[in-house]
Protein backbone atom coordinates (compact mmCIF):
# COMPACT_ATOMS: atom_id res chain seq x y z
CA MET A 1 111.37 78.12 10.06
CA LEU A 2 111.59 81.75 9.57
CA GLY A 3 111.07 82.42 5.69
CA VAL A 4 114.61 84.32 4.27
CA PHE A 5 114.91 85.23 0.56
CA GLN A 6 116.89 87.32 -1.70
CA ALA A 7 115.00 89.72 -3.72
CA TYR A 8 115.29 93.27 -5.75
CA SER A 9 119.02 92.77 -5.61
CA GLN A 10 121.71 89.82 -5.28
CA SER A 11 122.95 92.05 -2.38
CA LYS A 12 119.91 91.91 -0.27
CA LYS A 13 118.44 89.59 1.59
CA TYR A 14 114.74 89.38 3.67
CA LYS A 15 112.96 88.40 6.13
CA ILE A 16 109.31 86.97 5.65
CA HIS A 17 106.06 86.43 7.55
CA SER A 18 103.00 85.38 6.07
CA ILE A 19 99.77 86.47 7.63
CA ALA A 20 96.56 84.81 6.88
CA PHE A 21 92.92 84.96 6.85
CA TYR A 22 90.74 81.62 6.54
CA ASN A 23 86.90 81.29 7.23
CA LEU A 24 86.56 77.69 8.30
CA GLU A 25 82.79 77.28 7.63
CA ASN A 26 81.04 76.15 10.32
CA LEU A 27 83.60 74.12 12.26
CA TYR A 28 81.90 72.50 15.08
CA ASP A 29 82.19 69.77 17.28
CA THR A 30 80.08 67.04 17.58
CA VAL A 31 77.92 67.48 20.88
CA ASP A 32 74.98 69.59 21.52
CA ASP A 33 75.63 72.84 23.07
CA ALA A 34 72.50 74.04 25.02
CA PHE A 35 72.65 77.90 24.60
CA THR A 36 73.24 77.52 20.98
CA ASN A 37 71.52 76.75 17.65
CA ASP A 38 74.00 74.03 17.04
CA ASP A 39 71.86 71.10 16.96
CA GLU A 40 72.22 70.51 12.89
CA TRP A 41 75.91 70.16 13.56
CA THR A 42 75.57 66.93 15.52
CA PRO A 43 75.40 63.13 14.52
CA ASN A 44 71.59 63.13 14.89
CA GLY A 45 71.04 66.71 13.17
CA SER A 46 70.53 67.07 9.68
CA GLN A 47 74.22 67.58 8.78
CA HIS A 48 75.01 63.87 10.06
CA TRP A 49 77.86 65.76 11.43
CA THR A 50 80.37 62.57 12.92
CA THR A 51 83.35 62.47 14.80
CA GLU A 52 85.14 60.90 11.55
CA LYS A 53 83.58 63.85 9.75
CA TYR A 54 85.25 66.36 12.49
CA GLU A 55 88.25 65.06 12.35
CA GLN A 56 88.79 64.49 8.92
CA LYS A 57 87.35 68.60 8.69
CA LEU A 58 90.38 68.95 11.51
CA LYS A 59 92.97 67.17 9.01
CA ASN A 60 91.78 68.77 5.88
CA LEU A 61 92.09 72.28 7.40
CA ALA A 62 94.97 71.82 9.18
CA ARG A 63 96.73 70.95 5.93
CA VAL A 64 95.75 74.34 4.22
CA ILE A 65 97.08 76.41 7.08
CA SER A 66 100.61 74.66 6.84
CA GLU A 67 100.73 75.79 3.18
CA ILE A 68 99.31 79.32 3.02
CA GLY A 69 101.81 81.40 1.54
CA THR A 70 104.07 78.92 -0.08
CA PRO A 71 106.55 78.51 -2.08
CA GLU A 72 107.62 81.73 -1.15
CA ASN A 73 108.01 80.88 2.46
CA SER A 74 107.95 77.71 3.79
CA ASN A 75 106.94 78.63 7.33
CA ALA A 76 103.40 78.62 8.03
CA PRO A 77 101.32 81.97 8.72
CA VAL A 78 102.72 83.62 11.88
CA LEU A 79 99.35 84.85 12.22
CA LEU A 80 96.12 83.49 11.03
CA GLY A 81 92.60 85.20 11.79
CA CYS A 82 89.60 82.29 11.59
CA ALA A 83 85.80 83.14 11.36
CA GLU A 84 83.12 80.00 11.60
CA VAL A 85 84.67 78.48 14.72
CA GLU A 86 82.38 76.95 17.54
CA ASN A 87 84.50 77.49 20.54
CA ARG A 88 87.98 76.97 21.81
CA VAL A 89 88.01 72.99 21.99
CA VAL A 90 87.55 73.30 18.02
CA LEU A 91 90.99 75.38 17.89
CA GLU A 92 92.81 73.67 20.46
CA ASP A 93 91.94 70.19 18.28
CA LEU A 94 93.29 72.04 15.22
CA ILE A 95 96.32 73.02 16.38
CA LYS A 96 96.97 69.64 18.00
CA GLU A 97 97.00 68.34 14.15
CA PRO A 98 100.26 66.51 13.18
CA LYS A 99 100.53 68.96 10.30
CA LEU A 100 100.52 72.23 12.81
CA GLN A 101 101.97 70.70 15.64
CA GLN A 102 105.54 71.90 14.81
CA PHE A 103 104.23 75.33 14.74
CA ASP A 104 103.25 75.69 18.22
CA PHE A 105 100.38 78.54 17.93
CA GLY A 106 98.73 79.96 20.86
CA ILE A 107 94.77 80.94 20.69
CA ILE A 108 92.90 83.75 21.52
CA HIS A 109 89.57 83.53 21.44
CA PHE A 110 86.35 84.81 22.97
CA ASP A 111 82.47 83.47 22.62
CA SER A 112 80.52 85.67 20.57
CA PRO A 113 76.90 86.74 21.24
CA ASP A 114 75.62 85.01 17.50
CA LYS A 115 73.19 82.83 17.89
CA ARG A 116 74.57 79.90 16.02
CA GLY A 117 77.71 80.29 18.66
CA ILE A 118 80.06 81.06 15.76
CA ASP A 119 82.92 83.24 16.59
CA VAL A 120 86.03 84.43 15.16
CA ALA A 121 89.84 83.94 16.80
CA LEU A 122 93.41 84.69 16.33
CA LEU A 123 96.38 81.46 16.17
CA TYR A 124 99.69 83.07 16.44
CA GLN A 125 103.05 81.38 16.51
CA LYS A 126 104.53 81.91 19.74
CA LYS A 127 107.57 81.94 18.33
CA TYR A 128 107.10 85.28 16.98
CA PHE A 129 104.33 86.90 18.45
CA ARG A 130 104.17 87.67 21.77
CA PRO A 131 100.51 88.81 22.83
CA THR A 132 100.46 91.84 25.35
CA SER A 133 96.63 92.77 24.95
CA PHE A 134 93.26 91.83 23.47
CA SER A 135 89.77 92.37 23.52
CA ASN A 136 86.63 91.78 21.89
CA ILE A 137 84.54 94.63 20.75
CA PRO A 138 81.12 94.71 20.21
CA LEU A 139 79.19 95.68 17.53
CA ILE A 140 76.17 97.60 18.41
CA ILE A 141 73.45 97.77 15.89
CA TYR A 142 69.85 98.03 16.13
CA LYS A 143 66.78 97.04 13.76
CA LYS A 144 65.41 100.06 14.52
CA ASN A 145 68.09 102.19 12.32
CA ILE A 146 67.32 100.72 9.39
CA PRO A 147 65.00 102.38 7.15
CA LYS A 148 61.57 100.65 7.33
CA ALA A 149 61.44 99.85 3.06
CA GLU A 150 64.42 97.97 3.57
CA VAL A 151 63.78 95.54 6.66
CA GLN A 152 62.82 92.36 5.71
CA SER A 153 61.77 89.44 8.01
CA GLU A 154 64.64 87.44 5.52
CA ILE A 155 67.25 89.21 7.36
CA LEU A 156 66.74 87.08 10.59
CA ASP A 157 68.86 84.59 9.04
CA ASP A 158 70.55 81.49 10.82
CA GLU A 159 73.79 84.23 12.38
CA ILE A 160 71.74 87.37 13.55
CA GLU A 161 68.83 87.32 15.89
CA ILE A 162 66.75 90.16 17.23
CA LYS A 163 65.31 90.29 20.61
CA LYS A 164 62.42 92.85 21.70
CA GLU A 165 63.98 92.67 25.14
CA ASN A 166 67.18 94.06 24.00
CA LYS A 167 65.29 96.87 22.12
CA ASN A 168 65.45 95.14 18.56
CA ARG A 169 69.48 94.51 18.86
CA VAL A 170 70.63 92.63 16.07
CA PHE A 171 73.42 90.36 17.44
CA THR A 172 76.24 89.28 15.28
CA ARG A 173 80.07 88.61 15.97
CA ASP A 174 82.55 90.97 18.15
CA GLN A 175 85.25 92.26 16.27
CA LEU A 176 88.41 91.30 18.11
CA LEU A 177 91.18 93.31 18.57
CA VAL A 178 94.85 91.63 19.24
CA SER A 179 97.80 93.98 19.92
CA GLY A 180 101.31 92.92 20.78
CA PHE A 181 105.12 92.05 18.87
CA LEU A 182 106.17 90.25 16.09
CA GLU A 183 109.37 90.29 16.71
CA ASN A 184 110.55 92.97 18.21
CA GLU A 185 107.72 95.36 16.20
CA GLU A 186 104.58 96.32 17.77
CA ILE A 187 101.21 95.38 15.50
CA HIS A 188 97.94 95.40 16.00
CA ILE A 189 95.26 92.92 14.58
CA ILE A 190 91.59 93.49 13.95
CA VAL A 191 89.63 90.01 13.00
CA ASN A 192 86.09 90.42 11.70
CA HIS A 193 83.01 88.50 10.37
CA TRP A 194 80.83 90.87 9.59
CA PRO A 195 76.84 90.29 9.07
CA SER A 196 75.57 88.18 6.30
CA ARG A 197 74.13 89.13 3.23
CA SER A 198 70.98 86.62 3.92
CA GLY A 199 67.73 88.58 3.19
CA GLY A 200 69.36 90.84 0.37
CA GLU A 201 72.32 92.76 0.26
CA LYS A 202 70.53 96.10 0.20
CA ALA A 203 68.86 94.88 2.99
CA THR A 204 71.48 94.21 5.25
CA THR A 205 74.07 96.88 3.88
CA LEU A 206 73.67 99.04 6.57
CA PHE A 207 74.68 96.34 9.15
CA ARG A 208 78.20 96.07 7.40
CA GLU A 209 78.32 99.63 6.72
CA ALA A 210 77.80 100.26 11.12
CA ALA A 211 80.75 97.03 11.32
CA GLY A 212 83.08 99.28 9.17
CA LYS A 213 82.41 101.97 10.93
CA LEU A 214 83.37 100.55 14.04
CA ASN A 215 86.52 99.37 12.33
CA ARG A 216 87.42 102.76 11.69
CA LYS A 217 87.28 103.76 15.16
CA ILE A 218 88.95 101.27 16.43
CA ILE A 219 91.97 102.00 13.98
CA ASP A 220 91.63 105.80 15.07
CA SER A 221 91.78 105.18 18.55
CA LEU A 222 95.07 103.48 17.94
CA GLN A 223 96.40 106.29 16.03
CA GLN A 224 95.51 108.61 18.67
CA ILE A 225 97.70 106.68 20.69
CA ASN A 226 100.39 106.20 18.37
CA PRO A 227 100.05 108.29 14.60
CA LYS A 228 102.35 105.31 13.33
CA ALA A 229 100.23 102.43 14.59
CA LYS A 230 100.71 99.41 12.70
CA VAL A 231 97.18 98.18 12.17
CA MET A 232 95.64 95.27 9.99
CA THR A 233 92.34 94.47 9.67
CA MET A 234 91.35 91.23 8.21
CA GLY A 235 87.96 89.13 8.31
CA ASP A 236 85.45 87.80 6.32
CA PHE A 237 83.33 91.25 5.77
CA ASN A 238 80.48 89.57 3.56
CA ASP A 239 81.39 92.69 1.01
CA GLY A 240 83.71 92.82 -1.47
CA PRO A 241 86.47 95.95 -2.12
CA LEU A 242 84.27 98.08 -3.64
CA ASN A 243 81.58 98.21 -1.18
CA ASN A 244 80.40 101.20 0.58
CA SER A 245 81.14 99.13 4.17
CA ILE A 246 84.91 98.79 3.11
CA LYS A 247 85.25 102.17 0.78
CA ILE A 248 83.75 104.38 2.64
CA ALA A 249 83.21 103.57 5.97
CA LEU A 250 86.14 101.82 6.60
CA GLY A 251 87.94 104.57 4.14
CA THR A 252 90.49 102.19 1.69
CA GLU A 253 92.68 102.71 -0.78
CA GLY A 254 93.29 100.08 -3.83
CA ARG A 255 96.80 102.11 -4.68
CA LYS A 256 99.50 102.48 -2.48
CA ASN A 257 100.56 105.92 -3.72
CA GLU A 258 96.74 107.19 -3.01
CA VAL A 259 96.82 106.14 1.22
CA LEU A 260 97.15 109.51 3.05
CA GLU A 261 98.72 109.78 6.50
CA PHE A 262 95.82 107.79 8.44
CA GLY A 263 94.43 105.86 5.66
CA VAL A 264 93.93 102.21 5.22
CA PHE A 265 95.25 100.25 2.04
CA ASN A 266 93.27 97.20 0.76
CA PRO A 267 95.82 95.36 -1.69
CA PHE A 268 92.62 92.92 -2.67
CA GLU A 269 91.01 95.99 -4.12
CA GLU A 270 93.15 95.54 -7.51
CA MET A 271 92.44 91.70 -7.59
CA ALA A 272 88.36 92.52 -7.22
CA ASN A 273 88.94 94.37 -10.35
CA ASN A 274 90.54 91.95 -12.10
CA GLY A 275 87.77 89.09 -11.56
CA MET A 276 89.03 87.29 -9.09
CA GLY A 277 87.35 86.02 -6.09
CA THR A 278 87.53 83.87 -2.64
CA ILE A 279 83.87 82.74 -2.81
CA ALA A 280 81.59 81.91 -5.23
CA PHE A 281 77.55 82.34 -5.24
CA ARG A 282 75.37 81.81 -8.36
CA ASP A 283 78.71 81.19 -10.59
CA SER A 284 79.39 84.92 -9.53
CA TRP A 285 82.92 85.37 -7.42
CA ASN A 286 83.73 88.41 -5.22
CA ILE A 287 86.22 89.04 -2.52
CA PHE A 288 84.34 88.68 0.89
CA ASP A 289 87.46 87.69 2.35
CA GLN A 290 90.44 90.71 2.80
CA ILE A 291 93.31 91.80 4.66
CA MET A 292 93.78 95.42 4.89
CA MET A 293 96.59 97.69 6.72
CA THR A 294 97.41 101.17 7.75
CA LYS A 295 99.88 103.13 5.64
CA SER A 296 102.65 102.63 8.19
CA PHE A 297 103.04 99.20 7.01
CA LEU A 298 103.74 100.51 3.54
CA GLU A 299 107.63 101.82 4.17
CA SER A 300 109.65 101.23 0.79
CA ASP A 301 112.90 100.66 2.39
CA PHE A 302 111.75 97.47 4.39
CA SER A 303 114.10 98.73 7.36
CA ASN A 304 110.86 97.40 9.49
CA PHE A 305 108.31 94.50 8.45
CA SER A 306 106.12 96.09 5.55
CA PHE A 307 104.06 95.16 3.00
CA TRP A 308 105.20 93.04 0.29
CA LYS A 309 102.61 91.52 -1.90
CA ALA A 310 98.97 89.63 -1.08
CA GLY A 311 97.54 86.74 -2.12
CA ILE A 312 94.55 84.14 -2.77
CA PHE A 313 95.62 80.37 -1.72
CA LYS A 314 93.89 78.54 -4.26
CA ALA A 315 95.71 75.39 -4.04
CA PRO A 316 94.24 72.74 -6.47
CA TYR A 317 92.60 70.13 -4.05
CA LEU A 318 90.76 73.10 -2.42
CA ILE A 319 88.58 73.31 -5.77
CA GLU A 320 85.62 71.20 -6.59
CA THR A 321 86.93 69.23 -10.22
CA SER A 322 83.37 68.51 -11.37
CA GLY A 323 79.14 68.73 -11.32
CA GLN A 324 77.08 71.78 -10.77
CA TYR A 325 79.83 73.50 -8.71
CA LYS A 326 82.73 72.94 -10.55
CA GLY A 327 85.32 75.69 -9.70
CA TYR A 328 84.06 76.53 -6.86
CA PRO A 329 86.07 76.04 -3.17
CA LEU A 330 85.71 72.47 -1.81
CA ARG A 331 83.07 72.81 0.97
CA ASN A 332 81.92 70.11 3.19
CA THR A 333 78.62 67.80 2.17
CA LEU A 334 76.38 64.99 3.86
CA ALA A 335 78.64 62.65 2.02
CA LYS A 336 81.58 63.96 3.65
CA ALA A 337 83.83 66.81 5.10
CA GLY A 338 85.81 69.12 2.99
CA PHE A 339 87.59 72.10 3.44
CA SER A 340 85.62 75.83 3.23
CA ASP A 341 83.27 77.71 1.00
CA HIS A 342 85.91 80.36 1.37
CA PHE A 343 89.77 80.55 -0.22
CA PRO A 344 91.88 81.77 2.34
CA VAL A 345 93.85 84.80 2.01
CA TYR A 346 97.11 86.05 3.08
CA VAL A 347 99.78 88.90 2.59
CA TYR A 348 103.78 88.72 3.26
CA LEU A 349 105.55 91.66 5.30
CA ILE A 350 109.31 91.61 4.82
CA LYS A 351 112.34 92.97 6.27
CA GLU A 352 115.66 93.52 5.22
CA PHE A 353 118.91 92.58 7.53
């Protein structure tokens, strides 16, 4: 299943791997969890979330995952970061789908403190990736750290919970760090789902800037151990490539030749500048879903697995074809299970052989 292609000259051949991220949008089972606010995603809840809808959602997502990165690579992504999954069970159901069984995915998942019970996770093809360590790193932020003029009651959305007994801590998703070997090369993956914009972008921006600083701290710690560490951070950042949480707190560059020694390259910045998007709101597009990487992925000789190019997967069947949301991602409705309100993103790593 490993992708192989010829490029750049007729005499060179390259191995190719796809690495992707996909916000699965409310991938809940139908069972009411007493410890989270998942009541609406049950048969008697407001979403009327039935077994039939759940099974159709799994089939839909499995089709997408199996096709991300084609036609450049016939293999599914060897690594897939996921967001908005309720628990490990839904991931186990997902990888059992007929379109995914052949890829023999493993699962890395931790329950997060998000009150809706939505988590991040990493799926990996066991044939190509061998995890050696993994941990969930909490994002510790507090309401009291936000200037009073920016605190709004709307911040208390369905993804964020603030408890007085926890000194006004804002509970959101952990950042998942996975280290391992892609074939024989060590890489590190951070999977993210940063605090939402509910309540307004300005009122919540400091939450995401704190998430960016935590991401930078994780990358710094890995580079202190190995200055050439290959680190890739992916996720739904709820901010675009040009927002402060990405550009300043994380410290990204949109051009490969401008990335400094310990810097981070964001291939989705150029796409954002060109008006592309992974999610739409009020007919305005933004790229909240991104995959970024340290300079060590930018080797020009491709003697090791290195960045080739990035993309947004927008197969026609993922796009709404009529009505008010024509052109938007085809998401769930009360009538039927869809795909997601986000398009997945991917990067290609290639290596000469």
